Amino acid sequence: MKYRGYIRNFELFDLHGVGKITVEPQGRVNDCQARTYRQDIKVKDIEKYTTFKLPTRQWGYVVISTPDGILDHGEAIRRNVGGQVLGYFH
């Protein structure tokens, strides 16, 4: 999300084996939701999930943890990988 201009910087911490990410937003984020439970999502269901969670199709991203790394929903569809939903923002 850094290359899309939504966040300024982020830091990764590994406290006792529990990963923690601190994010510094850029100011373009209106709403941000993190999922406390990890919801599995298949590639064919990503479009349906984004339609349900995001206000419009033009802006906003669903963040997904995949075997290829942490990706937004558009990149996950392009790479044809599913994973677990970490959260979404718009």
PDB file of N, CA and C in Angstrom:
ATOM      1  N   MET A   1       0.809  -1.183   0.000  1.00  0.00           N
ATOM      2  CA  MET A   1       0.000   0.000   0.000  1.00  0.00           C
ATOM      3  C   MET A   1       0.861   1.259   0.000  1.00  0.00           C
ATOM      4  N   LYS A   2       2.130   1.065   0.305  1.00  0.00           N
ATOM      5  CA  LYS A   2       3.055   2.194   0.284  1.00  0.00           C
ATOM      6  C   LYS A   2       3.215   2.735  -1.136  1.00  0.00           C
ATOM      7  N   TYR A   3       3.327   1.844  -2.109  1.00  0.00           N
ATOM      8  CA  TYR A   3       3.515   2.312  -3.487  1.00  0.00           C
ATOM      9  C   TYR A   3       2.245   2.913  -4.068  1.00  0.00           C
ATOM     10  N   ARG A   4       1.089   2.668  -3.465  1.00  0.00           N
ATOM     11  CA  ARG A   4      -0.156   3.294  -3.917  1.00  0.00           C
ATOM     12  C   ARG A   4      -0.421   4.631  -3.217  1.00  0.00           C
ATOM     13  N   GLY A   5       0.421   4.985  -2.233  1.00  0.00           N
ATOM     14  CA  GLY A   5       0.308   6.286  -1.580  1.00  0.00           C
ATOM     15  C   GLY A   5      -0.618   6.328  -0.379  1.00  0.00           C
ATOM     16  N   TYR A   6      -1.001   5.178   0.174  1.00  0.00           N
ATOM     17  CA  TYR A   6      -1.896   5.159   1.320  1.00  0.00           C
ATOM     18  C   TYR A   6      -1.161   5.191   2.656  1.00  0.00           C
ATOM     19  N   ILE A   7       0.058   4.685   2.702  1.00  0.00           N
ATOM     20  CA  ILE A   7       0.817   4.711   3.952  1.00  0.00           C
ATOM     21  C   ILE A   7       2.184   5.344   3.715  1.00  0.00           C
ATOM     22  N   ARG A   8       2.687   6.022   4.751  1.00  0.00           N
ATOM     23  CA  ARG A   8       3.995   6.661   4.677  1.00  0.00           C
ATOM     24  C   ARG A   8       5.109   5.670   4.972  1.00  0.00           C
ATOM     25  N   ASN A   9       4.944   4.939   6.073  1.00  0.00           N
ATOM     26  CA  ASN A   9       5.988   4.021   6.502  1.00  0.00           C
ATOM     27  C   ASN A   9       5.368   2.934   7.369  1.00  0.00           C
ATOM     28  N   PHE A  10       6.086   1.838   7.566  1.00  0.00           N
ATOM     29  CA  PHE A  10       5.627   0.777   8.464  1.00  0.00           C
ATOM     30  C   PHE A  10       6.842   0.118   9.104  1.00  0.00           C
ATOM     31  N   GLU A  11       6.613  -0.458  10.287  1.00  0.00           N
ATOM     32  CA  GLU A  11       7.664  -1.169  11.011  1.00  0.00           C
ATOM     33  C   GLU A  11       7.144  -2.537  11.416  1.00  0.00           C
ATOM     34  N   LEU A  12       8.012  -3.521  11.359  1.00  0.00           N
ATOM     35  CA  LEU A  12       7.672  -4.880  11.767  1.00  0.00           C
ATOM     36  C   LEU A  12       8.380  -5.195  13.077  1.00  0.00           C
ATOM     37  N   PHE A  13       7.634  -5.734  14.038  1.00  0.00           N
ATOM     38  CA  PHE A  13       8.182  -6.163  15.315  1.00  0.00           C
ATOM     39  C   PHE A  13       7.865  -7.643  15.485  1.00  0.00           C
ATOM     40  N   ASP A  14       8.781  -8.381  16.102  1.00  0.00           N
ATOM     41  CA  ASP A  14       8.544  -9.793  16.381  1.00  0.00           C
ATOM     42  C   ASP A  14       8.746 -10.016  17.879  1.00  0.00           C
ATOM     43  N   LEU A  15       7.721  -9.686  18.639  1.00  0.00           N
ATOM     44  CA  LEU A  15       7.777  -9.817  20.091  1.00  0.00           C
ATOM     45  C   LEU A  15       7.365 -11.223  20.505  1.00  0.00           C
ATOM     46  N   HIS A  16       8.304 -12.000  20.997  1.00  0.00           N
ATOM     47  CA  HIS A  16       8.036 -13.347  21.503  1.00  0.00           C
ATOM     48  C   HIS A  16       7.365 -14.224  20.458  1.00  0.00           C
ATOM     49  N   GLY A  17       7.747 -14.071  19.214  1.00  0.00           N
ATOM     50  CA  GLY A  17       7.197 -14.901  18.157  1.00  0.00           C
ATOM     51  C   GLY A  17       5.852 -14.441  17.628  1.00  0.00           C
ATOM     52  N   VAL A  18       5.312 -13.342  18.164  1.00  0.00           N
ATOM     53  CA  VAL A  18       4.033 -12.806  17.703  1.00  0.00           C
ATOM     54  C   VAL A  18       4.340 -11.581  16.849  1.00  0.00           C
ATOM     55  N   GLY A  19       4.039 -11.648  15.572  1.00  0.00           N
ATOM     56  CA  GLY A  19       4.332 -10.543  14.668  1.00  0.00           C
ATOM     57  C   GLY A  19       3.410  -9.352  14.908  1.00  0.00           C
ATOM     58  N   LYS A  20       3.973  -8.152  14.883  1.00  0.00           N
ATOM     59  CA  LYS A  20       3.195  -6.937  15.057  1.00  0.00           C
ATOM     60  C   LYS A  20       3.665  -5.927  14.018  1.00  0.00           C
ATOM     61  N   ILE A  21       2.732  -5.259  13.365  1.00  0.00           N
ATOM     62  CA  ILE A  21       3.043  -4.264  12.347  1.00  0.00           C
ATOM     63  C   ILE A  21       2.497  -2.922  12.809  1.00  0.00           C
ATOM     64  N   THR A  22       3.349  -1.897  12.785  1.00  0.00           N
ATOM     65  CA  THR A  22       2.927  -0.537  13.083  1.00  0.00           C
ATOM     66  C   THR A  22       2.936   0.244  11.768  1.00  0.00           C
ATOM     67  N   VAL A  23       1.803   0.868  11.433  1.00  0.00           N
ATOM     68  CA  VAL A  23       1.648   1.554  10.154  1.00  0.00           C
ATOM     69  C   VAL A  23       1.425   3.038  10.394  1.00  0.00           C
ATOM     70  N   GLU A  24       2.110   3.880   9.610  1.00  0.00           N
ATOM     71  CA  GLU A  24       1.916   5.328   9.658  1.00  0.00           C
ATOM     72  C   GLU A  24       1.127   5.740   8.405  1.00  0.00           C
ATOM     73  N   PRO A  25      -0.169   6.099   8.551  1.00  0.00           N
ATOM     74  CA  PRO A  25      -0.986   6.409   7.368  1.00  0.00           C
ATOM     75  C   PRO A  25      -0.600   7.744   6.734  1.00  0.00           C
ATOM     76  N   GLN A  26      -0.915   7.878   5.465  1.00  0.00           N
ATOM     77  CA  GLN A  26      -0.612   9.076   4.686  1.00  0.00           C
ATOM     78  C   GLN A  26      -1.670  10.155   4.870  1.00  0.00           C
ATOM     79  N   GLY A  27      -2.883   9.793   5.237  1.00  0.00           N
ATOM     80  CA  GLY A  27      -3.958  10.763   5.382  1.00  0.00           C
ATOM     81  C   GLY A  27      -5.059  10.568   4.359  1.00  0.00           C
ATOM     82  N   ARG A  28      -4.898   9.627   3.443  1.00  0.00           N
ATOM     83  CA  ARG A  28      -5.900   9.365   2.413  1.00  0.00           C
ATOM     84  C   ARG A  28      -6.890   8.279   2.821  1.00  0.00           C
ATOM     85  N   VAL A  29      -6.764   7.741   4.025  1.00  0.00           N
ATOM     86  CA  VAL A  29      -7.605   6.621   4.453  1.00  0.00           C
ATOM     87  C   VAL A  29      -8.826   7.165   5.201  1.00  0.00           C
ATOM     88  N   ASN A  30     -10.034   6.827   4.713  1.00  0.00           N
ATOM     89  CA  ASN A  30     -11.274   7.237   5.372  1.00  0.00           C
ATOM     90  C   ASN A  30     -11.718   6.244   6.424  1.00  0.00           C
ATOM     91  N   ASP A  31     -11.565   4.968   6.146  1.00  0.00           N
ATOM     92  CA  ASP A  31     -11.993   3.919   7.064  1.00  0.00           C
ATOM     93  C   ASP A  31     -11.039   2.740   6.922  1.00  0.00           C
ATOM     94  N   CYS A  32     -10.710   2.127   8.049  1.00  0.00           N
ATOM     95  CA  CYS A  32      -9.799   0.992   8.056  1.00  0.00           C
ATOM     96  C   CYS A  32     -10.318  -0.021   9.061  1.00  0.00           C
ATOM     97  N   GLN A  33     -10.451  -1.262   8.650  1.00  0.00           N
ATOM     98  CA  GLN A  33     -10.931  -2.329   9.522  1.00  0.00           C
ATOM     99  C   GLN A  33      -9.952  -3.499   9.458  1.00  0.00           C
ATOM    100  N   ALA A  34      -9.541  -3.963  10.612  1.00  0.00           N
ATOM    101  CA  ALA A  34      -8.705  -5.159  10.689  1.00  0.00           C
ATOM    102  C   ALA A  34      -9.571  -6.313  11.174  1.00  0.00           C
ATOM    103  N   ARG A  35      -9.397  -7.456  10.586  1.00  0.00           N
ATOM    104  CA  ARG A  35     -10.152  -8.646  10.983  1.00  0.00           C
ATOM    105  C   ARG A  35      -9.431  -9.303  12.150  1.00  0.00           C
ATOM    106  N   THR A  36     -10.127  -9.493  13.284  1.00  0.00           N
ATOM    107  CA  THR A  36      -9.519 -10.155  14.432  1.00  0.00           C
ATOM    108  C   THR A  36      -9.416 -11.657  14.191  1.00  0.00           C
ATOM    109  N   TYR A  37     -10.281 -12.183  13.371  1.00  0.00           N
ATOM    110  CA  TYR A  37     -10.189 -13.581  12.961  1.00  0.00           C
ATOM    111  C   TYR A  37      -9.757 -13.589  11.498  1.00  0.00           C
ATOM    112  N   ARG A  38      -9.025 -14.571  11.111  1.00  0.00           N
ATOM    113  CA  ARG A  38      -8.538 -14.666   9.741  1.00  0.00           C
ATOM    114  C   ARG A  38      -9.538 -15.454   8.912  1.00  0.00           C
ATOM    115  N   GLN A  39     -10.136 -14.778   7.966  1.00  0.00           N
ATOM    116  CA  GLN A  39     -11.151 -15.392   7.130  1.00  0.00           C
ATOM    117  C   GLN A  39     -10.500 -15.898   5.840  1.00  0.00           C
ATOM    118  N   ASP A  40     -10.584 -17.186   5.591  1.00  0.00           N
ATOM    119  CA  ASP A  40     -10.036 -17.762   4.368  1.00  0.00           C
ATOM    120  C   ASP A  40     -10.884 -17.320   3.176  1.00  0.00           C
ATOM    121  N   ILE A  41     -10.201 -17.027   2.078  1.00  0.00           N
ATOM    122  CA  ILE A  41     -10.914 -16.590   0.875  1.00  0.00           C
ATOM    123  C   ILE A  41     -10.241 -17.216  -0.343  1.00  0.00           C
ATOM    124  N   LYS A  42     -11.070 -17.720  -1.255  1.00  0.00           N
ATOM    125  CA  LYS A  42     -10.573 -18.299  -2.500  1.00  0.00           C
ATOM    126  C   LYS A  42     -10.541 -17.212  -3.567  1.00  0.00           C
ATOM    127  N   VAL A  43      -9.782 -17.454  -4.612  1.00  0.00           N
ATOM    128  CA  VAL A  43      -9.642 -16.456  -5.680  1.00  0.00           C
ATOM    129  C   VAL A  43     -10.997 -16.118  -6.283  1.00  0.00           C
ATOM    130  N   LYS A  44     -11.843 -17.114  -6.503  1.00  0.00           N
ATOM    131  CA  LYS A  44     -13.138 -16.867  -7.141  1.00  0.00           C
ATOM    132  C   LYS A  44     -14.080 -16.058  -6.243  1.00  0.00           C
ATOM    133  N   ASP A  45     -13.818 -16.011  -4.924  1.00  0.00           N
ATOM    134  CA  ASP A  45     -14.690 -15.279  -4.003  1.00  0.00           C
ATOM    135  C   ASP A  45     -14.175 -13.885  -3.655  1.00  0.00           C
ATOM    136  N   ILE A  46     -13.004 -13.498  -4.136  1.00  0.00           N
ATOM    137  CA  ILE A  46     -12.435 -12.195  -3.786  1.00  0.00           C
ATOM    138  C   ILE A  46     -13.299 -11.058  -4.313  1.00  0.00           C
ATOM    139  N   GLU A  47     -13.750 -11.148  -5.551  1.00  0.00           N
ATOM    140  CA  GLU A  47     -14.568 -10.083  -6.140  1.00  0.00           C
ATOM    141  C   GLU A  47     -15.879  -9.897  -5.379  1.00  0.00           C
ATOM    142  N   LYS A  48     -16.487 -10.995  -4.961  1.00  0.00           N
ATOM    143  CA  LYS A  48     -17.730 -10.935  -4.194  1.00  0.00           C
ATOM    144  C   LYS A  48     -17.491 -10.280  -2.831  1.00  0.00           C
ATOM    145  N   TYR A  49     -16.379 -10.603  -2.198  1.00  0.00           N
ATOM    146  CA  TYR A  49     -16.039 -10.045  -0.887  1.00  0.00           C
ATOM    147  C   TYR A  49     -15.789  -8.544  -0.989  1.00  0.00           C
ATOM    148  N   THR A  50     -15.070  -8.113  -2.036  1.00  0.00           N
ATOM    149  CA  THR A  50     -14.799  -6.679  -2.190  1.00  0.00           C
ATOM    150  C   THR A  50     -16.082  -5.905  -2.465  1.00  0.00           C
ATOM    151  N   THR A  51     -16.996  -6.484  -3.221  1.00  0.00           N
ATOM    152  CA  THR A  51     -18.279  -5.828  -3.480  1.00  0.00           C
ATOM    153  C   THR A  51     -19.071  -5.661  -2.184  1.00  0.00           C
ATOM    154  N   PHE A  52     -18.966  -6.644  -1.299  1.00  0.00           N
ATOM    155  CA  PHE A  52     -19.696  -6.611  -0.040  1.00  0.00           C
ATOM    156  C   PHE A  52     -19.079  -5.637   0.969  1.00  0.00           C
ATOM    157  N   LYS A  53     -17.746  -5.564   1.039  1.00  0.00           N
ATOM    158  CA  LYS A  53     -17.071  -4.780   2.079  1.00  0.00           C
ATOM    159  C   LYS A  53     -16.726  -3.350   1.685  1.00  0.00           C
ATOM    160  N   LEU A  54     -16.413  -3.101   0.421  1.00  0.00           N
ATOM    161  CA  LEU A  54     -15.974  -1.770   0.010  1.00  0.00           C
ATOM    162  C   LEU A  54     -17.154  -0.943  -0.500  1.00  0.00           C
ATOM    163  N   PRO A  55     -17.128   0.387  -0.293  1.00  0.00           N
ATOM    164  CA  PRO A  55     -18.267   1.218  -0.697  1.00  0.00           C
ATOM    165  C   PRO A  55     -18.456   1.323  -2.207  1.00  0.00           C
ATOM    166  N   THR A  56     -17.371   1.357  -2.984  1.00  0.00           N
ATOM    167  CA  THR A  56     -17.471   1.399  -4.440  1.00  0.00           C
ATOM    168  C   THR A  56     -16.386   0.523  -5.043  1.00  0.00           C
ATOM    169  N   ARG A  57     -16.498   0.302  -6.345  1.00  0.00           N
ATOM    170  CA  ARG A  57     -15.491  -0.511  -7.030  1.00  0.00           C
ATOM    171  C   ARG A  57     -14.268   0.308  -7.419  1.00  0.00           C
ATOM    172  N   GLN A  58     -14.389   1.659  -7.413  1.00  0.00           N
ATOM    173  CA  GLN A  58     -13.289   2.496  -7.872  1.00  0.00           C
ATOM    174  C   GLN A  58     -12.182   2.671  -6.848  1.00  0.00           C
ATOM    175  N   TRP A  59     -12.496   2.630  -5.560  1.00  0.00           N
ATOM    176  CA  TRP A  59     -11.451   2.874  -4.564  1.00  0.00           C
ATOM    177  C   TRP A  59     -11.651   2.010  -3.344  1.00  0.00           C
ATOM    178  N   GLY A  60     -10.544   1.758  -2.678  1.00  0.00           N
ATOM    179  CA  GLY A  60     -10.516   0.885  -1.519  1.00  0.00           C
ATOM    180  C   GLY A  60      -9.854  -0.437  -1.860  1.00  0.00           C
ATOM    181  N   TYR A  61      -9.282  -1.056  -0.842  1.00  0.00           N
ATOM    182  CA  TYR A  61      -8.545  -2.299  -1.042  1.00  0.00           C
ATOM    183  C   TYR A  61      -8.822  -3.262   0.098  1.00  0.00           C
ATOM    184  N   VAL A  62      -8.881  -4.542  -0.243  1.00  0.00           N
ATOM    185  CA  VAL A  62      -8.920  -5.615   0.736  1.00  0.00           C
ATOM    186  C   VAL A  62      -7.499  -6.172   0.814  1.00  0.00           C
ATOM    187  N   VAL A  63      -6.969  -6.303   2.029  1.00  0.00           N
ATOM    188  CA  VAL A  63      -5.606  -6.788   2.233  1.00  0.00           C
ATOM    189  C   VAL A  63      -5.672  -8.282   2.555  1.00  0.00           C
ATOM    190  N   ILE A  64      -4.920  -9.062   1.784  1.00  0.00           N
ATOM    191  CA  ILE A  64      -4.970 -10.519   1.888  1.00  0.00           C
ATOM    192  C   ILE A  64      -3.565 -11.068   2.105  1.00  0.00           C
ATOM    193  N   SER A  65      -3.427 -11.975   3.076  1.00  0.00           N
ATOM    194  CA  SER A  65      -2.171 -12.683   3.290  1.00  0.00           C
ATOM    195  C   SER A  65      -2.198 -13.940   2.436  1.00  0.00           C
ATOM    196  N   THR A  66      -1.265 -14.033   1.486  1.00  0.00           N
ATOM    197  CA  THR A  66      -1.222 -15.147   0.539  1.00  0.00           C
ATOM    198  C   THR A  66       0.124 -15.858   0.636  1.00  0.00           C
ATOM    199  N   PRO A  67       0.272 -16.995  -0.025  1.00  0.00           N
ATOM    200  CA  PRO A  67       1.591 -17.629  -0.085  1.00  0.00           C
ATOM    201  C   PRO A  67       2.644 -16.758  -0.789  1.00  0.00           C
ATOM    202  N   ASP A  68       2.198 -15.808  -1.619  1.00  0.00           N
ATOM    203  CA  ASP A  68       3.099 -14.881  -2.308  1.00  0.00           C
ATOM    204  C   ASP A  68       3.420 -13.650  -1.480  1.00  0.00           C
ATOM    205  N   GLY A  69       2.877 -13.539  -0.279  1.00  0.00           N
ATOM    206  CA  GLY A  69       3.087 -12.374   0.580  1.00  0.00           C
ATOM    207  C   GLY A  69       1.774 -11.659   0.844  1.00  0.00           C
ATOM    208  N   ILE A  70       1.846 -10.482   1.434  1.00  0.00           N
ATOM    209  CA  ILE A  70       0.652  -9.683   1.724  1.00  0.00           C
ATOM    210  C   ILE A  70       0.344  -8.843   0.498  1.00  0.00           C
ATOM    211  N   LEU A  71      -0.843  -9.056  -0.084  1.00  0.00           N
ATOM    212  CA  LEU A  71      -1.237  -8.405  -1.327  1.00  0.00           C
ATOM    213  C   LEU A  71      -2.590  -7.727  -1.178  1.00  0.00           C
ATOM    214  N   ASP A  72      -2.863  -6.746  -2.048  1.00  0.00           N
ATOM    215  CA  ASP A  72      -4.222  -6.221  -2.118  1.00  0.00           C
ATOM    216  C   ASP A  72      -5.046  -7.149  -3.014  1.00  0.00           C
ATOM    217  N   HIS A  73      -6.351  -6.930  -3.035  1.00  0.00           N
ATOM    218  CA  HIS A  73      -7.221  -7.874  -3.740  1.00  0.00           C
ATOM    219  C   HIS A  73      -6.961  -7.896  -5.245  1.00  0.00           C
ATOM    220  N   GLY A  74      -6.626  -6.771  -5.844  1.00  0.00           N
ATOM    221  CA  GLY A  74      -6.361  -6.738  -7.280  1.00  0.00           C
ATOM    222  C   GLY A  74      -5.138  -7.549  -7.657  1.00  0.00           C
ATOM    223  N   GLU A  75      -4.089  -7.409  -6.881  1.00  0.00           N
ATOM    224  CA  GLU A  75      -2.860  -8.164  -7.147  1.00  0.00           C
ATOM    225  C   GLU A  75      -3.073  -9.652  -6.896  1.00  0.00           C
ATOM    226  N   ALA A  76      -3.869 -10.004  -5.885  1.00  0.00           N
ATOM    227  CA  ALA A  76      -4.153 -11.418  -5.616  1.00  0.00           C
ATOM    228  C   ALA A  76      -4.924 -12.048  -6.773  1.00  0.00           C
ATOM    229  N   ILE A  77      -5.854 -11.306  -7.353  1.00  0.00           N
ATOM    230  CA  ILE A  77      -6.598 -11.827  -8.504  1.00  0.00           C
ATOM    231  C   ILE A  77      -5.670 -11.981  -9.701  1.00  0.00           C
ATOM    232  N   ARG A  78      -4.786 -11.001  -9.951  1.00  0.00           N
ATOM    233  CA  ARG A  78      -3.849 -11.090 -11.065  1.00  0.00           C
ATOM    234  C   ARG A  78      -2.905 -12.283 -10.925  1.00  0.00           C
ATOM    235  N   ARG A  79      -2.467 -12.559  -9.697  1.00  0.00           N
ATOM    236  CA  ARG A  79      -1.559 -13.690  -9.471  1.00  0.00           C
ATOM    237  C   ARG A  79      -2.288 -15.012  -9.285  1.00  0.00           C
ATOM    238  N   ASN A  80      -3.615 -14.956  -9.216  1.00  0.00           N
ATOM    239  CA  ASN A  80      -4.463 -16.142  -9.077  1.00  0.00           C
ATOM    240  C   ASN A  80      -4.151 -16.914  -7.795  1.00  0.00           C
ATOM    241  N   VAL A  81      -4.087 -16.177  -6.656  1.00  0.00           N
ATOM    242  CA  VAL A  81      -3.852 -16.804  -5.352  1.00  0.00           C
ATOM    243  C   VAL A  81      -4.915 -16.334  -4.363  1.00  0.00           C
ATOM    244  N   GLY A  82      -5.320 -17.224  -3.499  1.00  0.00           N
ATOM    245  CA  GLY A  82      -6.210 -16.897  -2.404  1.00  0.00           C
ATOM    246  C   GLY A  82      -5.410 -16.826  -1.109  1.00  0.00           C
ATOM    247  N   GLY A  83      -6.100 -16.642  -0.002  1.00  0.00           N
ATOM    248  CA  GLY A  83      -5.401 -16.570   1.264  1.00  0.00           C
ATOM    249  C   GLY A  83      -6.341 -16.212   2.400  1.00  0.00           C
ATOM    250  N   GLN A  84      -5.851 -15.441   3.343  1.00  0.00           N
ATOM    251  CA  GLN A  84      -6.644 -15.034   4.487  1.00  0.00           C
ATOM    252  C   GLN A  84      -6.791 -13.517   4.490  1.00  0.00           C
ATOM    253  N   VAL A  85      -8.006 -13.055   4.730  1.00  0.00           N
ATOM    254  CA  VAL A  85      -8.280 -11.612   4.756  1.00  0.00           C
ATOM    255  C   VAL A  85      -7.746 -11.037   6.065  1.00  0.00           C
ATOM    256  N   LEU A  86      -6.851 -10.042   5.950  1.00  0.00           N
ATOM    257  CA  LEU A  86      -6.325  -9.362   7.122  1.00  0.00           C
ATOM    258  C   LEU A  86      -7.163  -8.144   7.480  1.00  0.00           C
ATOM    259  N   GLY A  87      -7.730  -7.502   6.489  1.00  0.00           N
ATOM    260  CA  GLY A  87      -8.529  -6.311   6.723  1.00  0.00           C
ATOM    261  C   GLY A  87      -8.817  -5.603   5.410  1.00  0.00           C
ATOM    262  N   TYR A  88      -9.386  -4.399   5.517  1.00  0.00           N
ATOM    263  CA  TYR A  88      -9.664  -3.611   4.327  1.00  0.00           C
ATOM    264  C   TYR A  88      -9.633  -2.135   4.693  1.00  0.00           C
ATOM    265  N   PHE A  89      -9.441  -1.289   3.703  1.00  0.00           N
ATOM    266  CA  PHE A  89      -9.447   0.153   3.922  1.00  0.00           C
ATOM    267  C   PHE A  89      -9.931   0.851   2.656  1.00  0.00           C
ATOM    268  N   HIS A  90     -10.434   2.064   2.888  1.00  0.00           N
ATOM    269  CA  HIS A  90     -10.852   2.926   1.761  1.00  0.00           C
ATOM    270  C   HIS A  90     -10.774   4.368   2.179  1.00  0.00           C
TER     271      HIS A  90
END
